Amino acid sequence: MVTALGIDDNLIMPTESQQRAWMAQWNEARHALRAQRDAEIQALSNERALAAADTLLSILPLAALPEGRRTSSGLVRQQALFHCRTAP
């Protein structure tokens, strides 16, 4: 039903049957996309996978790590703070 402002009420609040149809459509798409992804991964050669990884890694140059990050990620210190004790 179109309101006086020209807005379709069904676009504002879908009916329960529309919601169910929408969810069914998304579930079908989810399964189809999962199958497509699985097939593409199965067909992917090691060479193409490595090339894709290299491409992604080359987008931005890797930042030089500060010296402190070369020996610790800070996780041990963070866990010590959580447990209220000093880090080793």
C-alpha atoms as a PDB file:
ATOM      1  CA  MET A   1       0.000   0.000   0.000  1.00  0.00           C
ATOM      2  CA  VAL A   2       1.344   3.423  -0.954  1.00  0.00           C
ATOM      3  CA  THR A   3       0.878   6.194   1.608  1.00  0.00           C
ATOM      4  CA  ALA A   4      -0.048   9.823   0.915  1.00  0.00           C
ATOM      5  CA  LEU A   5       3.675  10.642   0.809  1.00  0.00           C
ATOM      6  CA  GLY A   6       4.208   8.031  -1.879  1.00  0.00           C
ATOM      7  CA  ILE A   7       6.051   5.662   0.455  1.00  0.00           C
ATOM      8  CA  ASP A   8       5.337   1.965   0.108  1.00  0.00           C
ATOM      9  CA  ASP A   9       4.513   0.641   3.580  1.00  0.00           C
ATOM     10  CA  ASN A  10       5.915  -2.747   2.596  1.00  0.00           C
ATOM     11  CA  LEU A  11       9.336  -1.155   2.110  1.00  0.00           C
ATOM     12  CA  ILE A  12       9.199   0.300   5.583  1.00  0.00           C
ATOM     13  CA  MET A  13       7.974  -2.774   7.438  1.00  0.00           C
ATOM     14  CA  PRO A  14       8.029  -6.063   5.573  1.00  0.00           C
ATOM     15  CA  THR A  15       5.336  -8.559   6.384  1.00  0.00           C
ATOM     16  CA  GLU A  16       6.225 -11.769   8.154  1.00  0.00           C
ATOM     17  CA  SER A  17       5.914 -13.706   4.890  1.00  0.00           C
ATOM     18  CA  GLN A  18       8.225 -11.202   3.164  1.00  0.00           C
ATOM     19  CA  GLN A  19      10.738 -11.552   5.994  1.00  0.00           C
ATOM     20  CA  ARG A  20      10.620 -15.340   5.698  1.00  0.00           C
ATOM     21  CA  ALA A  21      11.069 -15.169   1.918  1.00  0.00           C
ATOM     22  CA  TRP A  22      13.986 -12.775   2.324  1.00  0.00           C
ATOM     23  CA  MET A  23      15.676 -15.074   4.853  1.00  0.00           C
ATOM     24  CA  ALA A  24      15.103 -18.102   2.638  1.00  0.00           C
ATOM     25  CA  GLN A  25      16.668 -16.248  -0.290  1.00  0.00           C
ATOM     26  CA  TRP A  26      19.711 -15.266   1.798  1.00  0.00           C
ATOM     27  CA  ASN A  27      20.112 -18.806   3.104  1.00  0.00           C
ATOM     28  CA  GLU A  28      20.053 -20.178  -0.440  1.00  0.00           C
ATOM     29  CA  ALA A  29      22.610 -17.567  -1.478  1.00  0.00           C
ATOM     30  CA  ARG A  30      24.770 -18.408   1.549  1.00  0.00           C
ATOM     31  CA  HIS A  31      24.914 -22.074   0.584  1.00  0.00           C
ATOM     32  CA  ALA A  32      25.558 -21.291  -3.087  1.00  0.00           C
ATOM     33  CA  LEU A  33      28.323 -18.809  -2.238  1.00  0.00           C
ATOM     34  CA  ARG A  34      29.918 -21.277   0.173  1.00  0.00           C
ATOM     35  CA  ALA A  35      29.934 -23.962  -2.525  1.00  0.00           C
ATOM     36  CA  GLN A  36      31.391 -21.493  -5.040  1.00  0.00           C
ATOM     37  CA  ARG A  37      34.132 -20.436  -2.611  1.00  0.00           C
ATOM     38  CA  ASP A  38      34.985 -24.047  -1.788  1.00  0.00           C
ATOM     39  CA  ALA A  39      35.215 -24.917  -5.493  1.00  0.00           C
ATOM     40  CA  GLU A  40      37.457 -21.928  -6.199  1.00  0.00           C
ATOM     41  CA  ILE A  41      39.768 -22.792  -3.315  1.00  0.00           C
ATOM     42  CA  GLN A  42      39.983 -26.424  -4.448  1.00  0.00           C
ATOM     43  CA  ALA A  43      40.909 -25.290  -7.961  1.00  0.00           C
ATOM     44  CA  LEU A  44      43.506 -22.771  -6.731  1.00  0.00           C
ATOM     45  CA  SER A  45      47.072 -23.844  -7.366  1.00  0.00           C
ATOM     46  CA  ASN A  46      49.823 -23.200  -4.852  1.00  0.00           C
ATOM     47  CA  GLU A  47      51.518 -20.882  -7.337  1.00  0.00           C
ATOM     48  CA  ARG A  48      48.406 -18.718  -7.762  1.00  0.00           C
ATOM     49  CA  ALA A  49      47.792 -18.652  -3.999  1.00  0.00           C
ATOM     50  CA  LEU A  50      51.365 -17.500  -3.356  1.00  0.00           C
ATOM     51  CA  ALA A  51      51.106 -14.900  -6.115  1.00  0.00           C
ATOM     52  CA  ALA A  52      47.877 -13.550  -4.614  1.00  0.00           C
ATOM     53  CA  ALA A  53      49.477 -13.377  -1.154  1.00  0.00           C
ATOM     54  CA  ASP A  54      52.520 -11.575  -2.581  1.00  0.00           C
ATOM     55  CA  THR A  55      50.247  -9.090  -4.338  1.00  0.00           C
ATOM     56  CA  LEU A  56      48.356  -8.334  -1.145  1.00  0.00           C
ATOM     57  CA  LEU A  57      51.548  -7.976   0.873  1.00  0.00           C
ATOM     58  CA  SER A  58      53.073  -5.631  -1.699  1.00  0.00           C
ATOM     59  CA  ILE A  59      50.183  -3.147  -1.581  1.00  0.00           C
ATOM     60  CA  LEU A  60      51.746  -1.291   1.331  1.00  0.00           C
ATOM     61  CA  PRO A  61      55.368  -1.455   2.338  1.00  0.00           C
ATOM     62  CA  LEU A  62      55.903  -3.224   5.621  1.00  0.00           C
ATOM     63  CA  ALA A  63      56.634  -0.738   8.370  1.00  0.00           C
ATOM     64  CA  ALA A  64      59.887  -1.086  10.221  1.00  0.00           C
ATOM     65  CA  LEU A  65      59.243  -2.461  13.685  1.00  0.00           C
ATOM     66  CA  PRO A  66      60.600  -0.625  16.690  1.00  0.00           C
ATOM     67  CA  GLU A  67      63.335  -2.560  18.481  1.00  0.00           C
ATOM     68  CA  GLY A  68      61.045  -3.383  21.410  1.00  0.00           C
ATOM     69  CA  ARG A  69      58.545  -5.076  19.068  1.00  0.00           C
ATOM     70  CA  ARG A  70      61.258  -7.361  17.725  1.00  0.00           C
ATOM     71  CA  THR A  71      61.527  -9.114  21.081  1.00  0.00           C
ATOM     72  CA  SER A  72      57.988  -8.794  22.470  1.00  0.00           C
ATOM     73  CA  SER A  73      54.489  -8.138  21.187  1.00  0.00           C
ATOM     74  CA  GLY A  74      53.451  -6.718  24.545  1.00  0.00           C
ATOM     75  CA  LEU A  75      51.083  -9.597  25.209  1.00  0.00           C
ATOM     76  CA  VAL A  76      53.015 -10.865  28.243  1.00  0.00           C
ATOM     77  CA  ARG A  77      53.023  -7.360  29.729  1.00  0.00           C
ATOM     78  CA  GLN A  78      49.298  -6.968  29.011  1.00  0.00           C
ATOM     79  CA  GLN A  79      48.484 -10.286  30.684  1.00  0.00           C
ATOM     80  CA  ALA A  80      50.575  -9.276  33.714  1.00  0.00           C
ATOM     81  CA  LEU A  81      48.566  -6.057  33.976  1.00  0.00           C
ATOM     82  CA  PHE A  82      45.331  -8.007  33.790  1.00  0.00           C
ATOM     83  CA  HIS A  83      46.537 -10.268  36.605  1.00  0.00           C
ATOM     84  CA  CYS A  84      48.036  -7.375  38.617  1.00  0.00           C
ATOM     85  CA  ARG A  85      51.561  -8.704  38.694  1.00  0.00           C
ATOM     86  CA  THR A  86      54.850  -7.668  37.165  1.00  0.00           C
ATOM     87  CA  ALA A  87      55.888  -9.048  33.813  1.00  0.00           C
ATOM     88  CA  PRO A  88      58.906 -11.378  33.726  1.00  0.00           C
END
